[in-house]
Amino acid sequence: VLSRVNDGNRYQFDQACRVKAVATAARLGMTSYLSINFLPNAVY
């Protein structure tokens, strides 16, 4: 997956990662903390 990330889609990828991580954690019934990695250069 990571090999397909580049400057043109970095922002979309970072945003999609956050949303999917939260959605999947909720679907799985996670009650603990959720730790998400983020890309600083994708944050404007």
ModelCIF file with pLDDT and N, C-alpha, C, O atoms, coordinates in Angstrom:
data_MODEL
#
_entry.id   MODEL 
#
_entity.id                         1 
_entity.type                       polymer 
_entity.pdbx_number_of_molecules   1 
#
_entity_poly.entity_id                      1 
_entity_poly.type                           'polypeptide(L)' 
_entity_poly.nstd_linkage                   no 
_entity_poly.nstd_monomer                   no 
_entity_poly.pdbx_seq_one_letter_code       VLSRVNDGNRYQFDQACRVKAVATAARLGMTSYLSINFLPNAVY 
_entity_poly.pdbx_seq_one_letter_code_can   VLSRVNDGNRYQFDQACRVKAVATAARLGMTSYLSINFLPNAVY 
_entity_poly.pdbx_strand_id                 A 
#
loop_
_entity_poly_seq.entity_id 
_entity_poly_seq.num 
_entity_poly_seq.mon_id 
_entity_poly_seq.hetero 
1 1  VAL n 
1 2  LEU n 
1 3  SER n 
1 4  ARG n 
1 5  VAL n 
1 6  ASN n 
1 7  ASP n 
1 8  GLY n 
1 9  ASN n 
1 10 ARG n 
1 11 TYR n 
1 12 GLN n 
1 13 PHE n 
1 14 ASP n 
1 15 GLN n 
1 16 ALA n 
1 17 CYS n 
1 18 ARG n 
1 19 VAL n 
1 20 LYS n 
1 21 ALA n 
1 22 VAL n 
1 23 ALA n 
1 24 THR n 
1 25 ALA n 
1 26 ALA n 
1 27 ARG n 
1 28 LEU n 
1 29 GLY n 
1 30 MET n 
1 31 THR n 
1 32 SER n 
1 33 TYR n 
1 34 LEU n 
1 35 SER n 
1 36 ILE n 
1 37 ASN n 
1 38 PHE n 
1 39 LEU n 
1 40 PRO n 
1 41 ASN n 
1 42 ALA n 
1 43 VAL n 
1 44 TYR n 
#
_struct_asym.id          A 
_struct_asym.entity_id   1 
#
loop_
_ma_qa_metric.id 
_ma_qa_metric.mode 
_ma_qa_metric.name 
_ma_qa_metric.software_group_id 
_ma_qa_metric.type 
1 global pLDDT . pLDDT 
2 local  pLDDT . pLDDT 
#
_ma_qa_metric_global.metric_id      1 
_ma_qa_metric_global.metric_value   92.30 
_ma_qa_metric_global.model_id       1 
_ma_qa_metric_global.ordinal_id     1 
#
loop_
_ma_qa_metric_local.label_asym_id 
_ma_qa_metric_local.label_comp_id 
_ma_qa_metric_local.label_seq_id 
_ma_qa_metric_local.metric_id 
_ma_qa_metric_local.metric_value 
_ma_qa_metric_local.model_id 
_ma_qa_metric_local.ordinal_id 
A VAL 1  2 96.00 1 1  
A LEU 2  2 92.00 1 2  
A SER 3  2 94.00 1 3  
A ARG 4  2 95.00 1 4  
A VAL 5  2 91.00 1 5  
A ASN 6  2 90.00 1 6  
A ASP 7  2 85.00 1 7  
A GLY 8  2 89.00 1 8  
A ASN 9  2 92.00 1 9  
A ARG 10 2 88.00 1 10 
A TYR 11 2 91.00 1 11 
A GLN 12 2 92.00 1 12 
A PHE 13 2 93.00 1 13 
A ASP 14 2 91.00 1 14 
A GLN 15 2 93.00 1 15 
A ALA 16 2 94.00 1 16 
A CYS 17 2 95.00 1 17 
A ARG 18 2 95.00 1 18 
A VAL 19 2 96.00 1 19 
A LYS 20 2 97.00 1 20 
A ALA 21 2 98.00 1 21 
A VAL 22 2 98.00 1 22 
A ALA 23 2 98.00 1 23 
A THR 24 2 98.00 1 24 
A ALA 25 2 98.00 1 25 
A ALA 26 2 98.00 1 26 
A ARG 27 2 98.00 1 27 
A LEU 28 2 98.00 1 28 
A GLY 29 2 98.00 1 29 
A MET 30 2 98.00 1 30 
A THR 31 2 97.00 1 31 
A SER 32 2 98.00 1 32 
A TYR 33 2 98.00 1 33 
A LEU 34 2 98.00 1 34 
A SER 35 2 98.00 1 35 
A ILE 36 2 96.00 1 36 
A ASN 37 2 92.00 1 37 
A PHE 38 2 87.00 1 38 
A LEU 39 2 80.00 1 39 
A PRO 40 2 79.00 1 40 
A ASN 41 2 73.00 1 41 
A ALA 42 2 78.00 1 42 
A VAL 43 2 82.00 1 43 
A TYR 44 2 76.00 1 44 
#
loop_
_atom_site.group_PDB 
_atom_site.id 
_atom_site.type_symbol 
_atom_site.label_atom_id 
_atom_site.label_alt_id 
_atom_site.label_comp_id 
_atom_site.label_asym_id 
_atom_site.label_entity_id 
_atom_site.label_seq_id 
_atom_site.pdbx_PDB_ins_code 
_atom_site.Cartn_x 
_atom_site.Cartn_y 
_atom_site.Cartn_z 
_atom_site.occupancy 
_atom_site.B_iso_or_equiv 
_atom_site.pdbx_formal_charge 
_atom_site.auth_seq_id 
_atom_site.auth_comp_id 
_atom_site.auth_asym_id 
_atom_site.auth_atom_id 
_atom_site.pdbx_PDB_model_num 
ATOM 1   N N  . VAL A 1 1  ? 0.833   -1.204 0.000  1.00 96.00 ? 1  VAL A N  1 
ATOM 2   C CA . VAL A 1 1  ? 0.000   0.000  0.000  1.00 96.00 ? 1  VAL A CA 1 
ATOM 3   C C  . VAL A 1 1  ? 0.868   1.255  0.000  1.00 96.00 ? 1  VAL A C  1 
ATOM 4   O O  . VAL A 1 1  ? 0.650   2.164  -0.801 1.00 96.00 ? 1  VAL A O  1 
ATOM 5   N N  . LEU A 1 2  ? 1.839   1.304  0.887  1.00 92.00 ? 2  LEU A N  1 
ATOM 6   C CA . LEU A 1 2  ? 2.649   2.505  1.050  1.00 92.00 ? 2  LEU A CA 1 
ATOM 7   C C  . LEU A 1 2  ? 3.447   2.858  -0.202 1.00 92.00 ? 2  LEU A C  1 
ATOM 8   O O  . LEU A 1 2  ? 3.758   4.026  -0.435 1.00 92.00 ? 2  LEU A O  1 
ATOM 9   N N  . SER A 1 3  ? 3.779   1.844  -1.009 1.00 94.00 ? 3  SER A N  1 
ATOM 10  C CA . SER A 1 3  ? 4.542   2.105  -2.231 1.00 94.00 ? 3  SER A CA 1 
ATOM 11  C C  . SER A 1 3  ? 3.727   2.891  -3.257 1.00 94.00 ? 3  SER A C  1 
ATOM 12  O O  . SER A 1 3  ? 4.282   3.415  -4.223 1.00 94.00 ? 3  SER A O  1 
ATOM 13  N N  . ARG A 1 4  ? 2.421   2.974  -3.051 1.00 95.00 ? 4  ARG A N  1 
ATOM 14  C CA . ARG A 1 4  ? 1.559   3.682  -4.002 1.00 95.00 ? 4  ARG A CA 1 
ATOM 15  C C  . ARG A 1 4  ? 1.259   5.119  -3.559 1.00 95.00 ? 4  ARG A C  1 
ATOM 16  O O  . ARG A 1 4  ? 0.551   5.853  -4.248 1.00 95.00 ? 4  ARG A O  1 
ATOM 17  N N  . VAL A 1 5  ? 1.799   5.508  -2.414 1.00 91.00 ? 5  VAL A N  1 
ATOM 18  C CA . VAL A 1 5  ? 1.577   6.867  -1.909 1.00 91.00 ? 5  VAL A CA 1 
ATOM 19  C C  . VAL A 1 5  ? 2.659   7.789  -2.447 1.00 91.00 ? 5  VAL A C  1 
ATOM 20  O O  . VAL A 1 5  ? 3.845   7.460  -2.404 1.00 91.00 ? 5  VAL A O  1 
ATOM 21  N N  . ASN A 1 6  ? 2.245   8.948  -2.956 1.00 90.00 ? 6  ASN A N  1 
ATOM 22  C CA . ASN A 1 6  ? 3.197   9.902  -3.508 1.00 90.00 ? 6  ASN A CA 1 
ATOM 23  C C  . ASN A 1 6  ? 2.739   11.323 -3.159 1.00 90.00 ? 6  ASN A C  1 
ATOM 24  O O  . ASN A 1 6  ? 1.753   11.508 -2.445 1.00 90.00 ? 6  ASN A O  1 
ATOM 25  N N  . ASP A 1 7  ? 3.457   12.309 -3.664 1.00 85.00 ? 7  ASP A N  1 
ATOM 26  C CA . ASP A 1 7  ? 3.110   13.696 -3.352 1.00 85.00 ? 7  ASP A CA 1 
ATOM 27  C C  . ASP A 1 7  ? 1.711   14.069 -3.825 1.00 85.00 ? 7  ASP A C  1 
ATOM 28  O O  . ASP A 1 7  ? 1.054   14.920 -3.225 1.00 85.00 ? 7  ASP A O  1 
ATOM 29  N N  . GLY A 1 8  ? 1.254   13.427 -4.907 1.00 89.00 ? 8  GLY A N  1 
ATOM 30  C CA . GLY A 1 8  ? -0.039  13.778 -5.462 1.00 89.00 ? 8  GLY A CA 1 
ATOM 31  C C  . GLY A 1 8  ? -1.224  13.266 -4.660 1.00 89.00 ? 8  GLY A C  1 
ATOM 32  O O  . GLY A 1 8  ? -2.306  13.852 -4.711 1.00 89.00 ? 8  GLY A O  1 
ATOM 33  N N  . ASN A 1 9  ? -1.031  12.161 -3.908 1.00 92.00 ? 9  ASN A N  1 
ATOM 34  C CA . ASN A 1 9  ? -2.165  11.606 -3.168 1.00 92.00 ? 9  ASN A CA 1 
ATOM 35  C C  . ASN A 1 9  ? -1.903  11.514 -1.664 1.00 92.00 ? 9  ASN A C  1 
ATOM 36  O O  . ASN A 1 9  ? -2.679  10.897 -0.935 1.00 92.00 ? 9  ASN A O  1 
ATOM 37  N N  . ARG A 1 10 ? -0.812  12.126 -1.199 1.00 88.00 ? 10 ARG A N  1 
ATOM 38  C CA . ARG A 1 10 ? -0.425  11.997 0.215  1.00 88.00 ? 10 ARG A CA 1 
ATOM 39  C C  . ARG A 1 10 ? -1.515  12.532 1.157  1.00 88.00 ? 10 ARG A C  1 
ATOM 40  O O  . ARG A 1 10 ? -1.843  11.904 2.163  1.00 88.00 ? 10 ARG A O  1 
ATOM 41  N N  . TYR A 1 11 ? -2.068  13.706 0.808  1.00 91.00 ? 11 TYR A N  1 
ATOM 42  C CA . TYR A 1 11 ? -3.095  14.289 1.673  1.00 91.00 ? 11 TYR A CA 1 
ATOM 43  C C  . TYR A 1 11 ? -4.333  13.385 1.732  1.00 91.00 ? 11 TYR A C  1 
ATOM 44  O O  . TYR A 1 11 ? -4.851  13.115 2.815  1.00 91.00 ? 11 TYR A O  1 
ATOM 45  N N  . GLN A 1 12 ? -4.812  12.914 0.561  1.00 92.00 ? 12 GLN A N  1 
ATOM 46  C CA . GLN A 1 12 ? -5.991  12.053 0.536  1.00 92.00 ? 12 GLN A CA 1 
ATOM 47  C C  . GLN A 1 12 ? -5.741  10.763 1.315  1.00 92.00 ? 12 GLN A C  1 
ATOM 48  O O  . GLN A 1 12 ? -6.619  10.268 2.021  1.00 92.00 ? 12 GLN A O  1 
ATOM 49  N N  . PHE A 1 13 ? -4.521  10.227 1.174  1.00 93.00 ? 13 PHE A N  1 
ATOM 50  C CA . PHE A 1 13 ? -4.196  8.988  1.881  1.00 93.00 ? 13 PHE A CA 1 
ATOM 51  C C  . PHE A 1 13 ? -4.220  9.206  3.387  1.00 93.00 ? 13 PHE A C  1 
ATOM 52  O O  . PHE A 1 13 ? -4.801  8.408  4.122  1.00 93.00 ? 13 PHE A O  1 
ATOM 53  N N  . ASP A 1 14 ? -3.596  10.278 3.847  1.00 91.00 ? 14 ASP A N  1 
ATOM 54  C CA . ASP A 1 14 ? -3.552  10.559 5.278  1.00 91.00 ? 14 ASP A CA 1 
ATOM 55  C C  . ASP A 1 14 ? -4.961  10.738 5.837  1.00 91.00 ? 14 ASP A C  1 
ATOM 56  O O  . ASP A 1 14 ? -5.282  10.214 6.904  1.00 91.00 ? 14 ASP A O  1 
ATOM 57  N N  . GLN A 1 15 ? -5.802  11.479 5.114  1.00 93.00 ? 15 GLN A N  1 
ATOM 58  C CA . GLN A 1 15 ? -7.170  11.689 5.569  1.00 93.00 ? 15 GLN A CA 1 
ATOM 59  C C  . GLN A 1 15 ? -7.970  10.377 5.557  1.00 93.00 ? 15 GLN A C  1 
ATOM 60  O O  . GLN A 1 15 ? -8.725  10.096 6.487  1.00 93.00 ? 15 GLN A O  1 
ATOM 61  N N  . ALA A 1 16 ? -7.794  9.579  4.497  1.00 94.00 ? 16 ALA A N  1 
ATOM 62  C CA . ALA A 1 16 ? -8.510  8.309  4.411  1.00 94.00 ? 16 ALA A CA 1 
ATOM 63  C C  . ALA A 1 16 ? -8.087  7.357  5.528  1.00 94.00 ? 16 ALA A C  1 
ATOM 64  O O  . ALA A 1 16 ? -8.909  6.613  6.062  1.00 94.00 ? 16 ALA A O  1 
ATOM 65  N N  . CYS A 1 17 ? -6.803  7.385  5.878  1.00 95.00 ? 17 CYS A N  1 
ATOM 66  C CA . CYS A 1 17 ? -6.300  6.530  6.960  1.00 95.00 ? 17 CYS A CA 1 
ATOM 67  C C  . CYS A 1 17 ? -6.991  6.858  8.271  1.00 95.00 ? 17 CYS A C  1 
ATOM 68  O O  . CYS A 1 17 ? -7.418  5.960  8.996  1.00 95.00 ? 17 CYS A O  1 
ATOM 69  N N  . ARG A 1 18 ? -7.099  8.134  8.571  1.00 95.00 ? 18 ARG A N  1 
ATOM 70  C CA . ARG A 1 18 ? -7.713  8.561  9.831  1.00 95.00 ? 18 ARG A CA 1 
ATOM 71  C C  . ARG A 1 18 ? -9.177  8.107  9.903  1.00 95.00 ? 18 ARG A C  1 
ATOM 72  O O  . ARG A 1 18 ? -9.623  7.528  10.893 1.00 95.00 ? 18 ARG A O  1 
ATOM 73  N N  . VAL A 1 19 ? -9.904  8.391  8.822  1.00 96.00 ? 19 VAL A N  1 
ATOM 74  C CA . VAL A 1 19 ? -11.332 8.078  8.812  1.00 96.00 ? 19 VAL A CA 1 
ATOM 75  C C  . VAL A 1 19 ? -11.561 6.573  8.897  1.00 96.00 ? 19 VAL A C  1 
ATOM 76  O O  . VAL A 1 19 ? -12.411 6.114  9.661  1.00 96.00 ? 19 VAL A O  1 
ATOM 77  N N  . LYS A 1 20 ? -10.801 5.801  8.112  1.00 97.00 ? 20 LYS A N  1 
ATOM 78  C CA . LYS A 1 20 ? -11.005 4.348  8.122  1.00 97.00 ? 20 LYS A CA 1 
ATOM 79  C C  . LYS A 1 20 ? -10.596 3.740  9.453  1.00 97.00 ? 20 LYS A C  1 
ATOM 80  O O  . LYS A 1 20 ? -11.243 2.806  9.927  1.00 97.00 ? 20 LYS A O  1 
ATOM 81  N N  . ALA A 1 21 ? -9.538  4.248  10.062 1.00 98.00 ? 21 ALA A N  1 
ATOM 82  C CA . ALA A 1 21 ? -9.117  3.718  11.356 1.00 98.00 ? 21 ALA A CA 1 
ATOM 83  C C  . ALA A 1 21 ? -10.202 3.911  12.403 1.00 98.00 ? 21 ALA A C  1 
ATOM 84  O O  . ALA A 1 21 ? -10.494 2.997  13.174 1.00 98.00 ? 21 ALA A O  1 
ATOM 85  N N  . VAL A 1 22 ? -10.797 5.095  12.435 1.00 98.00 ? 22 VAL A N  1 
ATOM 86  C CA . VAL A 1 22 ? -11.861 5.380  13.404 1.00 98.00 ? 22 VAL A CA 1 
ATOM 87  C C  . VAL A 1 22 ? -13.089 4.517  13.109 1.00 98.00 ? 22 VAL A C  1 
ATOM 88  O O  . VAL A 1 22 ? -13.667 3.919  14.016 1.00 98.00 ? 22 VAL A O  1 
ATOM 89  N N  . ALA A 1 23 ? -13.482 4.458  11.834 1.00 98.00 ? 23 ALA A N  1 
ATOM 90  C CA . ALA A 1 23 ? -14.669 3.688  11.469 1.00 98.00 ? 23 ALA A CA 1 
ATOM 91  C C  . ALA A 1 23 ? -14.497 2.208  11.789 1.00 98.00 ? 23 ALA A C  1 
ATOM 92  O O  . ALA A 1 23 ? -15.420 1.567  12.292 1.00 98.00 ? 23 ALA A O  1 
ATOM 93  N N  . THR A 1 24 ? -13.307 1.663  11.497 1.00 98.00 ? 24 THR A N  1 
ATOM 94  C CA . THR A 1 24 ? -13.064 0.241  11.751 1.00 98.00 ? 24 THR A CA 1 
ATOM 95  C C  . THR A 1 24 ? -13.004 -0.046 13.242 1.00 98.00 ? 24 THR A C  1 
ATOM 96  O O  . THR A 1 24 ? -13.533 -1.055 13.707 1.00 98.00 ? 24 THR A O  1 
ATOM 97  N N  . ALA A 1 25 ? -12.359 0.842  13.991 1.00 98.00 ? 25 ALA A N  1 
ATOM 98  C CA . ALA A 1 25 ? -12.293 0.665  15.449 1.00 98.00 ? 25 ALA A CA 1 
ATOM 99  C C  . ALA A 1 25 ? -13.688 0.640  16.056 1.00 98.00 ? 25 ALA A C  1 
ATOM 100 O O  . ALA A 1 25 ? -13.983 -0.180 16.925 1.00 98.00 ? 25 ALA A O  1 
ATOM 101 N N  . ALA A 1 26 ? -14.543 1.546  15.591 1.00 98.00 ? 26 ALA A N  1 
ATOM 102 C CA . ALA A 1 26 ? -15.909 1.591  16.113 1.00 98.00 ? 26 ALA A CA 1 
ATOM 103 C C  . ALA A 1 26 ? -16.672 0.323  15.730 1.00 98.00 ? 26 ALA A C  1 
ATOM 104 O O  . ALA A 1 26 ? -17.404 -0.236 16.547 1.00 98.00 ? 26 ALA A O  1 
ATOM 105 N N  . ARG A 1 27 ? -16.498 -0.127 14.485 1.00 98.00 ? 27 ARG A N  1 
ATOM 106 C CA . ARG A 1 27 ? -17.197 -1.338 14.039 1.00 98.00 ? 27 ARG A CA 1 
ATOM 107 C C  . ARG A 1 27 ? -16.782 -2.558 14.845 1.00 98.00 ? 27 ARG A C  1 
ATOM 108 O O  . ARG A 1 27 ? -17.598 -3.442 15.106 1.00 98.00 ? 27 ARG A O  1 
ATOM 109 N N  . LEU A 1 28 ? -15.513 -2.608 15.240 1.00 98.00 ? 28 LEU A N  1 
ATOM 110 C CA . LEU A 1 28 ? -14.996 -3.745 16.008 1.00 98.00 ? 28 LEU A CA 1 
ATOM 111 C C  . LEU A 1 28 ? -15.330 -3.647 17.493 1.00 98.00 ? 28 LEU A C  1 
ATOM 112 O O  . LEU A 1 28 ? -15.041 -4.565 18.260 1.00 98.00 ? 28 LEU A O  1 
ATOM 113 N N  . GLY A 1 29 ? -15.940 -2.534 17.895 1.00 98.00 ? 29 GLY A N  1 
ATOM 114 C CA . GLY A 1 29 ? -16.294 -2.374 19.294 1.00 98.00 ? 29 GLY A CA 1 
ATOM 115 C C  . GLY A 1 29 ? -15.118 -2.037 20.192 1.00 98.00 ? 29 GLY A C  1 
ATOM 116 O O  . GLY A 1 29 ? -15.121 -2.387 21.372 1.00 98.00 ? 29 GLY A O  1 
ATOM 117 N N  . MET A 1 30 ? -14.110 -1.358 19.649 1.00 98.00 ? 30 MET A N  1 
ATOM 118 C CA . MET A 1 30 ? -12.933 -1.011 20.425 1.00 98.00 ? 30 MET A CA 1 
ATOM 119 C C  . MET A 1 30 ? -13.300 -0.034 21.542 1.00 98.00 ? 30 MET A C  1 
ATOM 120 O O  . MET A 1 30 ? -13.956 0.980  21.302 1.00 98.00 ? 30 MET A O  1 
ATOM 121 N N  . THR A 1 31 ? -12.868 -0.351 22.766 1.00 97.00 ? 31 THR A N  1 
ATOM 122 C CA . THR A 1 31 ? -13.110 0.537  23.899 1.00 97.00 ? 31 THR A CA 1 
ATOM 123 C C  . THR A 1 31 ? -11.815 1.129  24.448 1.00 97.00 ? 31 THR A C  1 
ATOM 124 O O  . THR A 1 31 ? -11.846 2.004  25.314 1.00 97.00 ? 31 THR A O  1 
ATOM 125 N N  . SER A 1 32 ? -10.693 0.660  23.950 1.00 98.00 ? 32 SER A N  1 
ATOM 126 C CA . SER A 1 32 ? -9.399  1.184  24.367 1.00 98.00 ? 32 SER A CA 1 
ATOM 127 C C  . SER A 1 32 ? -9.079  2.450  23.570 1.00 98.00 ? 32 SER A C  1 
ATOM 128 O O  . SER A 1 32 ? -9.884  2.897  22.752 1.00 98.00 ? 32 SER A O  1 
ATOM 129 N N  . TYR A 1 33 ? -7.896  3.024  23.816 1.00 98.00 ? 33 TYR A N  1 
ATOM 130 C CA . TYR A 1 33 ? -7.396  4.080  22.947 1.00 98.00 ? 33 TYR A CA 1 
ATOM 131 C C  . TYR A 1 33 ? -7.119  3.502  21.561 1.00 98.00 ? 33 TYR A C  1 
ATOM 132 O O  . TYR A 1 33 ? -6.819  2.317  21.420 1.00 98.00 ? 33 TYR A O  1 
ATOM 133 N N  . LEU A 1 34 ? -7.222  4.348  20.550 1.00 98.00 ? 34 LEU A N  1 
ATOM 134 C CA . LEU A 1 34 ? -6.883  3.998  19.168 1.00 98.00 ? 34 LEU A CA 1 
ATOM 135 C C  . LEU A 1 34 ? -5.681  4.830  18.754 1.00 98.00 ? 34 LEU A C  1 
ATOM 136 O O  . LEU A 1 34 ? -5.732  6.059  18.803 1.00 98.00 ? 34 LEU A O  1 
ATOM 137 N N  . SER A 1 35 ? -4.605  4.176  18.348 1.00 98.00 ? 35 SER A N  1 
ATOM 138 C CA . SER A 1 35 ? -3.383  4.874  17.964 1.00 98.00 ? 35 SER A CA 1 
ATOM 139 C C  . SER A 1 35 ? -3.249  4.906  16.451 1.00 98.00 ? 35 SER A C  1 
ATOM 140 O O  . SER A 1 35 ? -3.207  3.859  15.804 1.00 98.00 ? 35 SER A O  1 
ATOM 141 N N  . ILE A 1 36 ? -3.183  6.112  15.884 1.00 96.00 ? 36 ILE A N  1 
ATOM 142 C CA . ILE A 1 36 ? -3.128  6.312  14.438 1.00 96.00 ? 36 ILE A CA 1 
ATOM 143 C C  . ILE A 1 36 ? -1.843  7.037  14.084 1.00 96.00 ? 36 ILE A C  1 
ATOM 144 O O  . ILE A 1 36 ? -1.497  8.034  14.717 1.00 96.00 ? 36 ILE A O  1 
ATOM 145 N N  . ASN A 1 37 ? -1.137  6.549  13.083 1.00 92.00 ? 37 ASN A N  1 
ATOM 146 C CA . ASN A 1 37 ? 0.057   7.228  12.596 1.00 92.00 ? 37 ASN A CA 1 
ATOM 147 C C  . ASN A 1 37 ? -0.338  8.290  11.575 1.00 92.00 ? 37 ASN A C  1 
ATOM 148 O O  . ASN A 1 37 ? -1.214  8.062  10.741 1.00 92.00 ? 37 ASN A O  1 
ATOM 149 N N  . PHE A 1 38 ? 0.309   9.443  11.645 1.00 87.00 ? 38 PHE A N  1 
ATOM 150 C CA . PHE A 1 38 ? -0.024  10.494 10.692 1.00 87.00 ? 38 PHE A CA 1 
ATOM 151 C C  . PHE A 1 38 ? 1.238   11.001 9.997  1.00 87.00 ? 38 PHE A C  1 
ATOM 152 O O  . PHE A 1 38 ? 2.356   10.815 10.478 1.00 87.00 ? 38 PHE A O  1 
ATOM 153 N N  . LEU A 1 39 ? 1.021   11.649 8.845  1.00 80.00 ? 39 LEU A N  1 
ATOM 154 C CA . LEU A 1 39 ? 2.112   12.161 8.023  1.00 80.00 ? 39 LEU A CA 1 
ATOM 155 C C  . LEU A 1 39 ? 2.171   13.677 8.177  1.00 80.00 ? 39 LEU A C  1 
ATOM 156 O O  . LEU A 1 39 ? 1.286   14.365 7.668  1.00 80.00 ? 39 LEU A O  1 
ATOM 157 N N  . PRO A 1 40 ? 3.165   14.220 8.850  1.00 79.00 ? 40 PRO A N  1 
ATOM 158 C CA . PRO A 1 40 ? 3.217   15.671 9.093  1.00 79.00 ? 40 PRO A CA 1 
ATOM 159 C C  . PRO A 1 40 ? 3.156   16.505 7.824  1.00 79.00 ? 40 PRO A C  1 
ATOM 160 O O  . PRO A 1 40 ? 2.534   17.567 7.817  1.00 79.00 ? 40 PRO A O  1 
ATOM 161 N N  . ASN A 1 41 ? 3.794   16.043 6.743  1.00 73.00 ? 41 ASN A N  1 
ATOM 162 C CA . ASN A 1 41 ? 3.787   16.827 5.505  1.00 73.00 ? 41 ASN A CA 1 
ATOM 163 C C  . ASN A 1 41 ? 2.454   16.763 4.760  1.00 73.00 ? 41 ASN A C  1 
ATOM 164 O O  . ASN A 1 41 ? 2.265   17.445 3.753  1.00 73.00 ? 41 ASN A O  1 
ATOM 165 N N  . ALA A 1 42 ? 1.525   15.931 5.267  1.00 78.00 ? 42 ALA A N  1 
ATOM 166 C CA . ALA A 1 42 ? 0.189   15.890 4.679  1.00 78.00 ? 42 ALA A CA 1 
ATOM 167 C C  . ALA A 1 42 ? -0.771  16.819 5.424  1.00 78.00 ? 42 ALA A C  1 
ATOM 168 O O  . ALA A 1 42 ? -1.942  16.933 5.061  1.00 78.00 ? 42 ALA A O  1 
ATOM 169 N N  . VAL A 1 43 ? -0.273  17.474 6.456  1.00 82.00 ? 43 VAL A N  1 
ATOM 170 C CA . VAL A 1 43 ? -1.105  18.384 7.246  1.00 82.00 ? 43 VAL A CA 1 
ATOM 171 C C  . VAL A 1 43 ? -0.745  19.813 6.862  1.00 82.00 ? 43 VAL A C  1 
ATOM 172 O O  . VAL A 1 43 ? 0.377   20.264 7.094  1.00 82.00 ? 43 VAL A O  1 
ATOM 173 N N  . TYR A 1 44 ? -1.702  20.517 6.277  1.00 76.00 ? 44 TYR A N  1 
ATOM 174 C CA . TYR A 1 44 ? -1.461  21.893 5.837  1.00 76.00 ? 44 TYR A CA 1 
ATOM 175 C C  . TYR A 1 44 ? -1.711  22.854 6.998  1.00 76.00 ? 44 TYR A C  1 
ATOM 176 O O  . TYR A 1 44 ? -1.563  24.066 6.839  1.00 76.00 ? 44 TYR A O  1 
#
